[in-house]
Amino acid sequence: MNHLLNHHKSLRKLTTLVENRTTYNADYAELNIYETHEHAEKVSLTFDFPVIASMLTGKKVMHIDGLPSFDFFPGESVVMPTNKEMVIDFPLAKANDPTQCLALGIDSGKIDEVVEKFNHHVTIERENNNWQLDDNASHLINNTDVNHLVERLVYTFTNNTKSKDVLLDLMIQELIVRLLQTKAKAFLLNDPEGIFNDTRIGMVIKYIKQNLTNKDITVDLLAEKACMSTSHFHKKFKNTLGVSPIDYINSEKIKFSKKLIKETKDLRMSEIAFKSGFNNTSYFNRQFKKMELMTPQQFKLSIS
């Protein structure tokens, strides 16, 4: 991300050492880049429009009503509704090593327009058709799709390329959809009261969780359980959760395999793979590396 900020540094003016703000505007959005060059505590920020804030460099400690206080690092984002206060500490900010963060404000009308479109595409016979970005703040960690989008947005905002507004409009729409998918996924996957069990996608997710180590789970079988054609099911699942059924199943199996690696010392990786529902050890290794950016063996060494 640092190289993306080089152009910004050549444009911005420093008027304060705490949360120095540079603003870039587009048709439906406003990008604010904040830089803090000295230790500070209890700095308050509030926006009169919905905001996604992402860390670029350094570390903050965030205090937001409704969430436990948390450390905020690069690669993480916070979704903030209108007029929600963030109180921020800057424990590591220095003159030659500033803490940098962006706050992307998005026009409420634009959000409503994309939300309506999203709900039209994810609805399954009037089920799951009321997702919206609500009044609660949320903290996103390791959301690769959102991180990549934020990087592209920073680059496009800070460089006057041709078609800048068209590109930003498309990226902002995609960002809103990614956030809605993240929320839909969180609701469906963390549903302790079983609210979504009687919806088709919710029922399928419950089935996957209960049969995770079953090596015979196929998209055809899941589509049958959802009473849909395979192609229709695949499309609805991906539109709602942002991942294909197979990628979701594999991510759950990898999560289970990590638990096994942590809790068992004497199992070989081939046994871990088998117990996690994989028929093939090399496929297990490939999926693990794809999702965790390291091999199962490297993961085992990192926790030992």
C-alpha atoms as a PDB file:
ATOM      1  CA  MET A   1       0.000   0.000   0.000  1.00  0.00           C
ATOM      2  CA  ASN A   2       2.906   2.420   0.659  1.00  0.00           C
ATOM      3  CA  HIS A   3       3.751   2.748  -3.048  1.00  0.00           C
ATOM      4  CA  LEU A   4       0.117   3.728  -3.731  1.00  0.00           C
ATOM      5  CA  LEU A   5       0.506   6.702  -1.381  1.00  0.00           C
ATOM      6  CA  ASN A   6       3.559   8.177  -3.134  1.00  0.00           C
ATOM      7  CA  HIS A   7       1.467  10.344  -5.443  1.00  0.00           C
ATOM      8  CA  HIS A   8      -0.706  11.410  -2.505  1.00  0.00           C
ATOM      9  CA  LYS A   9       2.383  12.526  -0.542  1.00  0.00           C
ATOM     10  CA  SER A  10       3.458  14.774  -3.401  1.00  0.00           C
ATOM     11  CA  LEU A  11       0.034  16.500  -3.353  1.00  0.00           C
ATOM     12  CA  ARG A  12      -0.907  16.766   0.301  1.00  0.00           C
ATOM     13  CA  LYS A  13      -0.132  19.654   2.671  1.00  0.00           C
ATOM     14  CA  LEU A  14       0.628  19.091   6.352  1.00  0.00           C
ATOM     15  CA  THR A  15      -1.356  21.543   8.483  1.00  0.00           C
ATOM     16  CA  THR A  16      -1.501  19.506  11.696  1.00  0.00           C
ATOM     17  CA  LEU A  17       0.459  16.572  13.160  1.00  0.00           C
ATOM     18  CA  VAL A  18      -2.680  14.763  14.404  1.00  0.00           C
ATOM     19  CA  GLU A  19      -5.141  13.418  11.820  1.00  0.00           C
ATOM     20  CA  ASN A  20      -3.969  15.725   9.032  1.00  0.00           C
ATOM     21  CA  ARG A  21      -6.708  15.346   6.424  1.00  0.00           C
ATOM     22  CA  THR A  22      -6.483  15.336   2.624  1.00  0.00           C
ATOM     23  CA  THR A  23      -9.733  14.959   0.672  1.00  0.00           C
ATOM     24  CA  TYR A  24     -10.341  13.609  -2.845  1.00  0.00           C
ATOM     25  CA  ASN A  25     -13.839  13.893  -4.343  1.00  0.00           C
ATOM     26  CA  ALA A  26     -15.853  11.846  -6.844  1.00  0.00           C
ATOM     27  CA  ASP A  27     -19.502  11.827  -7.968  1.00  0.00           C
ATOM     28  CA  TYR A  28     -20.862   9.566  -5.222  1.00  0.00           C
ATOM     29  CA  ALA A  29     -17.976   9.375  -2.787  1.00  0.00           C
ATOM     30  CA  GLU A  30     -15.282  11.214  -0.866  1.00  0.00           C
ATOM     31  CA  LEU A  31     -11.889   9.775   0.047  1.00  0.00           C
ATOM     32  CA  ASN A  32     -10.204  11.218   3.144  1.00  0.00           C
ATOM     33  CA  ILE A  33      -6.609  10.218   3.917  1.00  0.00           C
ATOM     34  CA  TYR A  34      -5.588  10.929   7.519  1.00  0.00           C
ATOM     35  CA  GLU A  35      -1.986  11.060   8.755  1.00  0.00           C
ATOM     36  CA  THR A  36      -0.847  11.343  12.364  1.00  0.00           C
ATOM     37  CA  HIS A  37       2.815  12.164  13.046  1.00  0.00           C
ATOM     38  CA  GLU A  38       2.891  12.093  16.859  1.00  0.00           C
ATOM     39  CA  HIS A  39       1.538  10.088  19.798  1.00  0.00           C
ATOM     40  CA  ALA A  40      -2.070  11.057  20.552  1.00  0.00           C
ATOM     41  CA  GLU A  41      -5.045   9.753  22.545  1.00  0.00           C
ATOM     42  CA  LYS A  42      -8.816  10.095  22.542  1.00  0.00           C
ATOM     43  CA  VAL A  43      -9.067  11.767  19.132  1.00  0.00           C
ATOM     44  CA  SER A  44     -12.741  11.844  18.079  1.00  0.00           C
ATOM     45  CA  LEU A  45     -14.012  11.472  14.495  1.00  0.00           C
ATOM     46  CA  THR A  46     -17.626  11.489  13.277  1.00  0.00           C
ATOM     47  CA  PHE A  47     -18.968  11.601   9.713  1.00  0.00           C
ATOM     48  CA  ASP A  48     -22.383  12.732   8.463  1.00  0.00           C
ATOM     49  CA  PHE A  49     -22.394   9.949   5.852  1.00  0.00           C
ATOM     50  CA  PRO A  50     -21.679   6.182   5.970  1.00  0.00           C
ATOM     51  CA  VAL A  51     -17.932   5.452   5.954  1.00  0.00           C
ATOM     52  CA  ILE A  52     -15.571   2.532   5.455  1.00  0.00           C
ATOM     53  CA  ALA A  53     -12.289   3.223   7.241  1.00  0.00           C
ATOM     54  CA  SER A  54      -9.173   1.201   6.363  1.00  0.00           C
ATOM     55  CA  MET A  55      -5.742   1.231   7.953  1.00  0.00           C
ATOM     56  CA  LEU A  56      -2.840   1.965   5.599  1.00  0.00           C
ATOM     57  CA  THR A  57       0.224   2.127   7.874  1.00  0.00           C
ATOM     58  CA  GLY A  58       0.905   1.979  11.619  1.00  0.00           C
ATOM     59  CA  LYS A  59      -1.511   1.085  14.395  1.00  0.00           C
ATOM     60  CA  LYS A  60      -4.532   2.656  16.076  1.00  0.00           C
ATOM     61  CA  VAL A  61      -6.553   1.628  19.103  1.00  0.00           C
ATOM     62  CA  MET A  62     -10.245   2.071  18.292  1.00  0.00           C
ATOM     63  CA  HIS A  63     -13.045   2.776  20.770  1.00  0.00           C
ATOM     64  CA  ILE A  64     -16.490   2.486  19.135  1.00  0.00           C
ATOM     65  CA  ASP A  65     -19.784   2.174  20.984  1.00  0.00           C
ATOM     66  CA  GLY A  66     -21.154  -1.366  20.578  1.00  0.00           C
ATOM     67  CA  LEU A  67     -17.741  -2.983  19.967  1.00  0.00           C
ATOM     68  CA  PRO A  68     -14.999  -3.916  22.464  1.00  0.00           C
ATOM     69  CA  SER A  69     -11.930  -1.664  22.055  1.00  0.00           C
ATOM     70  CA  PHE A  70      -9.557  -3.184  19.486  1.00  0.00           C
ATOM     71  CA  ASP A  71      -6.163  -2.713  17.839  1.00  0.00           C
ATOM     72  CA  PHE A  72      -6.544  -1.569  14.234  1.00  0.00           C
ATOM     73  CA  PHE A  73      -3.835  -2.654  11.755  1.00  0.00           C
ATOM     74  CA  PRO A  74      -3.179  -2.389   7.978  1.00  0.00           C
ATOM     75  CA  GLY A  75      -5.344  -4.818   6.009  1.00  0.00           C
ATOM     76  CA  GLU A  76      -8.294  -4.248   8.364  1.00  0.00           C
ATOM     77  CA  SER A  77     -11.396  -2.114   7.839  1.00  0.00           C
ATOM     78  CA  VAL A  78     -14.230  -0.700   9.901  1.00  0.00           C
ATOM     79  CA  VAL A  79     -17.688   0.008   8.485  1.00  0.00           C
ATOM     80  CA  MET A  80     -19.223   3.048  10.221  1.00  0.00           C
ATOM     81  CA  PRO A  81     -22.839   4.213   9.903  1.00  0.00           C
ATOM     82  CA  THR A  82     -23.756   7.919   9.700  1.00  0.00           C
ATOM     83  CA  ASN A  83     -22.963  10.013  12.814  1.00  0.00           C
ATOM     84  CA  LYS A  84     -21.286   7.144  14.697  1.00  0.00           C
ATOM     85  CA  GLU A  85     -18.337   8.354  16.793  1.00  0.00           C
ATOM     86  CA  MET A  86     -14.872   6.761  16.659  1.00  0.00           C
ATOM     87  CA  VAL A  87     -12.498   7.618  19.504  1.00  0.00           C
ATOM     88  CA  ILE A  88      -8.908   6.827  18.500  1.00  0.00           C
ATOM     89  CA  ASP A  89      -5.515   6.388  20.221  1.00  0.00           C
ATOM     90  CA  PHE A  90      -2.237   6.565  18.256  1.00  0.00           C
ATOM     91  CA  PRO A  91       0.353   4.681  20.354  1.00  0.00           C
ATOM     92  CA  LEU A  92       3.043   4.314  17.655  1.00  0.00           C
ATOM     93  CA  ALA A  93       2.774   7.480  15.520  1.00  0.00           C
ATOM     94  CA  LYS A  94       6.095   9.280  14.930  1.00  0.00           C
ATOM     95  CA  ALA A  95       7.263  12.225  12.816  1.00  0.00           C
ATOM     96  CA  ASN A  96       9.196   9.979  10.414  1.00  0.00           C
ATOM     97  CA  ASP A  97       6.762   7.034  10.654  1.00  0.00           C
ATOM     98  CA  PRO A  98       3.193   8.376  10.607  1.00  0.00           C
ATOM     99  CA  THR A  99       0.017   6.372  11.162  1.00  0.00           C
ATOM    100  CA  GLN A 100      -2.076   6.567   7.997  1.00  0.00           C
ATOM    101  CA  CYS A 101      -5.728   5.672   7.539  1.00  0.00           C
ATOM    102  CA  LEU A 102      -8.366   6.318   4.922  1.00  0.00           C
ATOM    103  CA  ALA A 103     -12.051   7.029   5.369  1.00  0.00           C
ATOM    104  CA  LEU A 104     -14.203   6.480   2.292  1.00  0.00           C
ATOM    105  CA  GLY A 105     -17.568   8.216   2.542  1.00  0.00           C
ATOM    106  CA  ILE A 106     -20.317   6.963   0.239  1.00  0.00           C
ATOM    107  CA  ASP A 107     -23.511   8.791  -0.718  1.00  0.00           C
ATOM    108  CA  SER A 108     -26.520   7.235   1.084  1.00  0.00           C
ATOM    109  CA  GLY A 109     -28.618   7.309  -2.089  1.00  0.00           C
ATOM    110  CA  LYS A 110     -25.930   5.338  -3.919  1.00  0.00           C
ATOM    111  CA  ILE A 111     -25.889   2.747  -1.131  1.00  0.00           C
ATOM    112  CA  ASP A 112     -29.695   2.389  -1.281  1.00  0.00           C
ATOM    113  CA  GLU A 113     -29.573   1.949  -5.068  1.00  0.00           C
ATOM    114  CA  VAL A 114     -26.943  -0.824  -4.866  1.00  0.00           C
ATOM    115  CA  VAL A 115     -28.681  -2.475  -1.894  1.00  0.00           C
ATOM    116  CA  GLU A 116     -31.920  -2.707  -3.881  1.00  0.00           C
ATOM    117  CA  LYS A 117     -30.073  -4.263  -6.826  1.00  0.00           C
ATOM    118  CA  PHE A 118     -28.212  -6.687  -4.537  1.00  0.00           C
ATOM    119  CA  ASN A 119     -31.408  -7.818  -2.810  1.00  0.00           C
ATOM    120  CA  HIS A 120     -33.079  -8.385  -6.174  1.00  0.00           C
ATOM    121  CA  HIS A 121     -30.250 -10.752  -7.168  1.00  0.00           C
ATOM    122  CA  VAL A 122     -29.925 -12.692  -3.898  1.00  0.00           C
ATOM    123  CA  THR A 123     -33.615 -13.140  -3.170  1.00  0.00           C
ATOM    124  CA  ILE A 124     -34.768 -16.750  -3.373  1.00  0.00           C
ATOM    125  CA  GLU A 125     -38.540 -16.749  -3.704  1.00  0.00           C
ATOM    126  CA  ARG A 126     -38.749 -13.782  -1.325  1.00  0.00           C
ATOM    127  CA  GLU A 127     -36.203 -15.235   1.104  1.00  0.00           C
ATOM    128  CA  ASN A 128     -33.068 -13.355   2.272  1.00  0.00           C
ATOM    129  CA  ASN A 129     -34.166 -10.255   0.379  1.00  0.00           C
ATOM    130  CA  ASN A 130     -33.720  -7.520   2.986  1.00  0.00           C
ATOM    131  CA  TRP A 131     -29.956  -7.172   3.535  1.00  0.00           C
ATOM    132  CA  GLN A 132     -28.853  -3.619   4.271  1.00  0.00           C
ATOM    133  CA  LEU A 133     -25.937  -1.787   5.859  1.00  0.00           C
ATOM    134  CA  ASP A 134     -27.449  -1.104   9.278  1.00  0.00           C
ATOM    135  CA  ASP A 135     -26.744   1.188  12.242  1.00  0.00           C
ATOM    136  CA  ASN A 136     -24.063  -1.025  13.802  1.00  0.00           C
ATOM    137  CA  ALA A 137     -20.330  -0.614  13.238  1.00  0.00           C
ATOM    138  CA  SER A 138     -18.432  -3.719  12.123  1.00  0.00           C
ATOM    139  CA  HIS A 139     -14.713  -4.624  12.144  1.00  0.00           C
ATOM    140  CA  LEU A 140     -13.458  -6.562   9.085  1.00  0.00           C
ATOM    141  CA  ILE A 141     -10.256  -8.616   9.355  1.00  0.00           C
ATOM    142  CA  ASN A 142      -8.544 -10.510   6.505  1.00  0.00           C
ATOM    143  CA  ASN A 143     -11.212  -9.625   3.960  1.00  0.00           C
ATOM    144  CA  THR A 144      -9.063  -9.972   0.821  1.00  0.00           C
ATOM    145  CA  ASP A 145     -11.728  -8.769  -1.631  1.00  0.00           C
ATOM    146  CA  VAL A 146     -12.342  -5.571   0.348  1.00  0.00           C
ATOM    147  CA  ASN A 147      -8.581  -4.949   0.753  1.00  0.00           C
ATOM    148  CA  HIS A 148      -7.936  -5.259  -2.994  1.00  0.00           C
ATOM    149  CA  LEU A 149     -10.813  -2.916  -3.754  1.00  0.00           C
ATOM    150  CA  VAL A 150      -9.556  -0.341  -1.246  1.00  0.00           C
ATOM    151  CA  GLU A 151      -6.108  -0.386  -2.901  1.00  0.00           C
ATOM    152  CA  ARG A 152      -7.639   0.156  -6.350  1.00  0.00           C
ATOM    153  CA  LEU A 153      -9.848   2.947  -5.001  1.00  0.00           C
ATOM    154  CA  VAL A 154      -6.875   4.765  -3.428  1.00  0.00           C
ATOM    155  CA  TYR A 155      -4.934   4.550  -6.674  1.00  0.00           C
ATOM    156  CA  THR A 156      -7.854   5.779  -8.804  1.00  0.00           C
ATOM    157  CA  PHE A 157      -8.833   8.611  -6.432  1.00  0.00           C
ATOM    158  CA  THR A 158      -5.275   9.947  -6.159  1.00  0.00           C
ATOM    159  CA  ASN A 159      -4.401   9.728  -9.886  1.00  0.00           C
ATOM    160  CA  ASN A 160      -6.264  11.720 -12.514  1.00  0.00           C
ATOM    161  CA  THR A 161      -6.717   8.948 -15.041  1.00  0.00           C
ATOM    162  CA  LYS A 162      -9.181   9.021 -17.937  1.00  0.00           C
ATOM    163  CA  SER A 163     -12.589   7.576 -17.021  1.00  0.00           C
ATOM    164  CA  LYS A 164     -11.760   8.178 -13.326  1.00  0.00           C
ATOM    165  CA  ASP A 165     -15.396   8.817 -12.289  1.00  0.00           C
ATOM    166  CA  VAL A 166     -16.727   5.818 -14.237  1.00  0.00           C
ATOM    167  CA  LEU A 167     -14.117   3.515 -12.675  1.00  0.00           C
ATOM    168  CA  LEU A 168     -14.789   4.864  -9.171  1.00  0.00           C
ATOM    169  CA  ASP A 169     -18.543   4.414  -9.620  1.00  0.00           C
ATOM    170  CA  LEU A 170     -18.057   0.739 -10.566  1.00  0.00           C
ATOM    171  CA  MET A 171     -15.596   0.107  -7.708  1.00  0.00           C
ATOM    172  CA  ILE A 172     -17.860   1.767  -5.130  1.00  0.00           C
ATOM    173  CA  GLN A 173     -20.794  -0.377  -6.287  1.00  0.00           C
ATOM    174  CA  GLU A 174     -18.599  -3.467  -5.962  1.00  0.00           C
ATOM    175  CA  LEU A 175     -17.434  -2.389  -2.505  1.00  0.00           C
ATOM    176  CA  ILE A 176     -21.020  -1.989  -1.270  1.00  0.00           C
ATOM    177  CA  VAL A 177     -21.883  -5.461  -2.650  1.00  0.00           C
ATOM    178  CA  ARG A 178     -18.789  -6.990  -0.957  1.00  0.00           C
ATOM    179  CA  LEU A 179     -19.856  -5.434   2.359  1.00  0.00           C
ATOM    180  CA  LEU A 180     -23.427  -6.704   1.927  1.00  0.00           C
ATOM    181  CA  GLN A 181     -22.119 -10.190   1.101  1.00  0.00           C
ATOM    182  CA  THR A 182     -19.888 -10.053   4.192  1.00  0.00           C
ATOM    183  CA  LYS A 183     -22.912  -9.160   6.298  1.00  0.00           C
ATOM    184  CA  ALA A 184     -25.149 -11.804   4.698  1.00  0.00           C
ATOM    185  CA  LYS A 185     -22.411 -14.385   5.194  1.00  0.00           C
ATOM    186  CA  ALA A 186     -21.946 -13.411   8.856  1.00  0.00           C
ATOM    187  CA  PHE A 187     -25.702 -13.666   9.473  1.00  0.00           C
ATOM    188  CA  LEU A 188     -26.045 -17.025   7.771  1.00  0.00           C
ATOM    189  CA  LEU A 189     -22.899 -18.551   9.277  1.00  0.00           C
ATOM    190  CA  ASN A 190     -23.356 -17.205  12.826  1.00  0.00           C
ATOM    191  CA  ASP A 191     -27.015 -17.896  13.343  1.00  0.00           C
ATOM    192  CA  PRO A 192     -27.212 -19.363  16.876  1.00  0.00           C
ATOM    193  CA  GLU A 193     -30.997 -19.018  17.042  1.00  0.00           C
ATOM    194  CA  GLY A 194     -31.504 -20.752  13.699  1.00  0.00           C
ATOM    195  CA  ILE A 195     -33.403 -17.806  12.192  1.00  0.00           C
ATOM    196  CA  PHE A 196     -32.266 -18.721   8.684  1.00  0.00           C
ATOM    197  CA  ASN A 197     -32.618 -22.499   8.978  1.00  0.00           C
ATOM    198  CA  ASP A 198     -35.914 -22.397   7.117  1.00  0.00           C
ATOM    199  CA  THR A 199     -34.397 -20.506   4.188  1.00  0.00           C
ATOM    200  CA  ARG A 200     -32.840 -22.595   1.447  1.00  0.00           C
ATOM    201  CA  ILE A 201     -29.316 -21.186   1.647  1.00  0.00           C
ATOM    202  CA  GLY A 202     -29.445 -21.256   5.459  1.00  0.00           C
ATOM    203  CA  MET A 203     -30.582 -24.893   5.392  1.00  0.00           C
ATOM    204  CA  VAL A 204     -27.755 -25.846   3.005  1.00  0.00           C
ATOM    205  CA  ILE A 205     -25.145 -24.135   5.203  1.00  0.00           C
ATOM    206  CA  LYS A 206     -26.480 -25.997   8.241  1.00  0.00           C
ATOM    207  CA  TYR A 207     -26.237 -29.278   6.266  1.00  0.00           C
ATOM    208  CA  ILE A 208     -22.621 -28.518   5.238  1.00  0.00           C
ATOM    209  CA  LYS A 209     -21.633 -27.780   8.860  1.00  0.00           C
ATOM    210  CA  GLN A 210     -23.239 -30.995  10.102  1.00  0.00           C
ATOM    211  CA  ASN A 211     -21.642 -33.123   7.350  1.00  0.00           C
ATOM    212  CA  LEU A 212     -18.321 -31.336   6.946  1.00  0.00           C
ATOM    213  CA  THR A 213     -16.145 -34.459   6.943  1.00  0.00           C
ATOM    214  CA  ASN A 214     -18.417 -36.239   4.472  1.00  0.00           C
ATOM    215  CA  LYS A 215     -16.349 -36.697   1.300  1.00  0.00           C
ATOM    216  CA  ASP A 216     -19.472 -37.069  -0.829  1.00  0.00           C
ATOM    217  CA  ILE A 217     -20.813 -33.511  -0.519  1.00  0.00           C
ATOM    218  CA  THR A 218     -21.256 -32.215  -4.069  1.00  0.00           C
ATOM    219  CA  VAL A 219     -22.853 -29.092  -5.528  1.00  0.00           C
ATOM    220  CA  ASP A 220     -25.451 -31.355  -7.184  1.00  0.00           C
ATOM    221  CA  LEU A 221     -26.395 -32.832  -3.806  1.00  0.00           C
ATOM    222  CA  LEU A 222     -26.663 -29.364  -2.187  1.00  0.00           C
ATOM    223  CA  ALA A 223     -28.751 -28.052  -5.096  1.00  0.00           C
ATOM    224  CA  GLU A 224     -31.079 -31.028  -4.685  1.00  0.00           C
ATOM    225  CA  LYS A 225     -31.471 -30.249  -0.965  1.00  0.00           C
ATOM    226  CA  ALA A 226     -32.259 -26.616  -1.852  1.00  0.00           C
ATOM    227  CA  CYS A 227     -34.811 -27.805  -4.458  1.00  0.00           C
ATOM    228  CA  MET A 228     -33.037 -25.900  -7.236  1.00  0.00           C
ATOM    229  CA  SER A 229     -31.244 -26.734 -10.447  1.00  0.00           C
ATOM    230  CA  THR A 230     -27.462 -26.941  -9.998  1.00  0.00           C
ATOM    231  CA  SER A 231     -26.756 -23.799 -12.059  1.00  0.00           C
ATOM    232  CA  HIS A 232     -29.480 -21.772 -10.279  1.00  0.00           C
ATOM    233  CA  PHE A 233     -28.247 -22.910  -6.856  1.00  0.00           C
ATOM    234  CA  HIS A 234     -24.599 -22.119  -7.703  1.00  0.00           C
ATOM    235  CA  LYS A 235     -25.557 -18.598  -8.833  1.00  0.00           C
ATOM    236  CA  LYS A 236     -27.756 -17.844  -5.799  1.00  0.00           C
ATOM    237  CA  PHE A 237     -25.192 -19.203  -3.327  1.00  0.00           C
ATOM    238  CA  LYS A 238     -22.390 -17.124  -4.840  1.00  0.00           C
ATOM    239  CA  ASN A 239     -24.524 -13.976  -5.103  1.00  0.00           C
ATOM    240  CA  THR A 240     -25.524 -14.249  -1.449  1.00  0.00           C
ATOM    241  CA  LEU A 241     -22.206 -15.209   0.161  1.00  0.00           C
ATOM    242  CA  GLY A 242     -19.672 -13.962  -2.366  1.00  0.00           C
ATOM    243  CA  VAL A 243     -18.015 -17.404  -2.711  1.00  0.00           C
ATOM    244  CA  SER A 244     -18.866 -20.516  -4.712  1.00  0.00           C
ATOM    245  CA  PRO A 245     -20.307 -23.535  -2.843  1.00  0.00           C
ATOM    246  CA  ILE A 246     -17.066 -25.525  -3.379  1.00  0.00           C
ATOM    247  CA  ASP A 247     -14.855 -22.673  -2.113  1.00  0.00           C
ATOM    248  CA  TYR A 248     -17.099 -22.314   0.935  1.00  0.00           C
ATOM    249  CA  ILE A 249     -16.986 -26.070   1.689  1.00  0.00           C
ATOM    250  CA  ASN A 250     -13.196 -26.116   1.290  1.00  0.00           C
ATOM    251  CA  SER A 251     -12.755 -23.052   3.518  1.00  0.00           C
ATOM    252  CA  GLU A 252     -14.789 -24.766   6.264  1.00  0.00           C
ATOM    253  CA  LYS A 253     -12.748 -27.961   5.885  1.00  0.00           C
ATOM    254  CA  ILE A 254      -9.486 -25.996   6.097  1.00  0.00           C
ATOM    255  CA  LYS A 255     -10.784 -24.249   9.221  1.00  0.00           C
ATOM    256  CA  PHE A 256     -11.510 -27.683  10.722  1.00  0.00           C
ATOM    257  CA  SER A 257      -8.058 -28.974   9.687  1.00  0.00           C
ATOM    258  CA  LYS A 258      -6.376 -26.029  11.469  1.00  0.00           C
ATOM    259  CA  LYS A 259      -8.275 -26.968  14.618  1.00  0.00           C
ATOM    260  CA  LEU A 260      -7.043 -30.568  14.287  1.00  0.00           C
ATOM    261  CA  ILE A 261      -3.436 -29.442  13.726  1.00  0.00           C
ATOM    262  CA  LYS A 262      -3.606 -27.268  16.861  1.00  0.00           C
ATOM    263  CA  GLU A 263      -5.204 -29.950  19.031  1.00  0.00           C
ATOM    264  CA  THR A 264      -3.331 -33.084  17.885  1.00  0.00           C
ATOM    265  CA  LYS A 265       0.432 -33.592  17.919  1.00  0.00           C
ATOM    266  CA  ASP A 266       0.815 -37.132  16.564  1.00  0.00           C
ATOM    267  CA  LEU A 267      -1.384 -37.123  13.426  1.00  0.00           C
ATOM    268  CA  ARG A 268       0.314 -37.128  10.027  1.00  0.00           C
ATOM    269  CA  MET A 269      -0.825 -34.523   7.492  1.00  0.00           C
ATOM    270  CA  SER A 270      -2.397 -37.253   5.355  1.00  0.00           C
ATOM    271  CA  GLU A 271      -4.544 -38.246   8.364  1.00  0.00           C
ATOM    272  CA  ILE A 272      -5.444 -34.588   9.039  1.00  0.00           C
ATOM    273  CA  ALA A 273      -6.481 -34.238   5.387  1.00  0.00           C
ATOM    274  CA  PHE A 274      -8.630 -37.389   5.543  1.00  0.00           C
ATOM    275  CA  LYS A 275     -10.287 -36.439   8.850  1.00  0.00           C
ATOM    276  CA  SER A 276     -11.063 -32.979   7.409  1.00  0.00           C
ATOM    277  CA  GLY A 277     -13.019 -34.492   4.534  1.00  0.00           C
ATOM    278  CA  PHE A 278     -10.349 -34.461   1.795  1.00  0.00           C
ATOM    279  CA  ASN A 279      -9.774 -37.612  -0.289  1.00  0.00           C
ATOM    280  CA  ASN A 280      -6.529 -36.311  -1.714  1.00  0.00           C
ATOM    281  CA  THR A 281      -3.572 -34.981   0.334  1.00  0.00           C
ATOM    282  CA  SER A 282      -2.102 -32.916  -2.503  1.00  0.00           C
ATOM    283  CA  TYR A 283      -5.504 -31.240  -3.068  1.00  0.00           C
ATOM    284  CA  PHE A 284      -5.688 -30.551   0.686  1.00  0.00           C
ATOM    285  CA  ASN A 285      -2.199 -28.984   0.564  1.00  0.00           C
ATOM    286  CA  ARG A 286      -3.123 -26.808  -2.424  1.00  0.00           C
ATOM    287  CA  GLN A 287      -6.357 -25.575  -0.823  1.00  0.00           C
ATOM    288  CA  PHE A 288      -4.633 -24.911   2.498  1.00  0.00           C
ATOM    289  CA  LYS A 289      -1.909 -22.828   0.835  1.00  0.00           C
ATOM    290  CA  LYS A 290      -4.458 -20.957  -1.290  1.00  0.00           C
ATOM    291  CA  MET A 291      -6.467 -19.933   1.774  1.00  0.00           C
ATOM    292  CA  GLU A 292      -3.773 -19.553   4.445  1.00  0.00           C
ATOM    293  CA  LEU A 293      -0.822 -18.486   2.232  1.00  0.00           C
ATOM    294  CA  MET A 294       1.297 -21.241   3.805  1.00  0.00           C
ATOM    295  CA  THR A 295       1.438 -25.036   3.706  1.00  0.00           C
ATOM    296  CA  PRO A 296      -0.148 -27.147   6.471  1.00  0.00           C
ATOM    297  CA  GLN A 297       3.373 -28.063   7.619  1.00  0.00           C
ATOM    298  CA  GLN A 298       4.395 -24.407   7.823  1.00  0.00           C
ATOM    299  CA  PHE A 299       1.226 -23.685   9.797  1.00  0.00           C
ATOM    300  CA  LYS A 300       2.078 -26.507  12.209  1.00  0.00           C
ATOM    301  CA  LEU A 301       5.598 -25.111  12.716  1.00  0.00           C
ATOM    302  CA  SER A 302       4.226 -21.590  13.255  1.00  0.00           C
ATOM    303  CA  ILE A 303       2.126 -22.695  16.248  1.00  0.00           C
ATOM    304  CA  SER A 304       4.570 -25.152  17.807  1.00  0.00           C
END
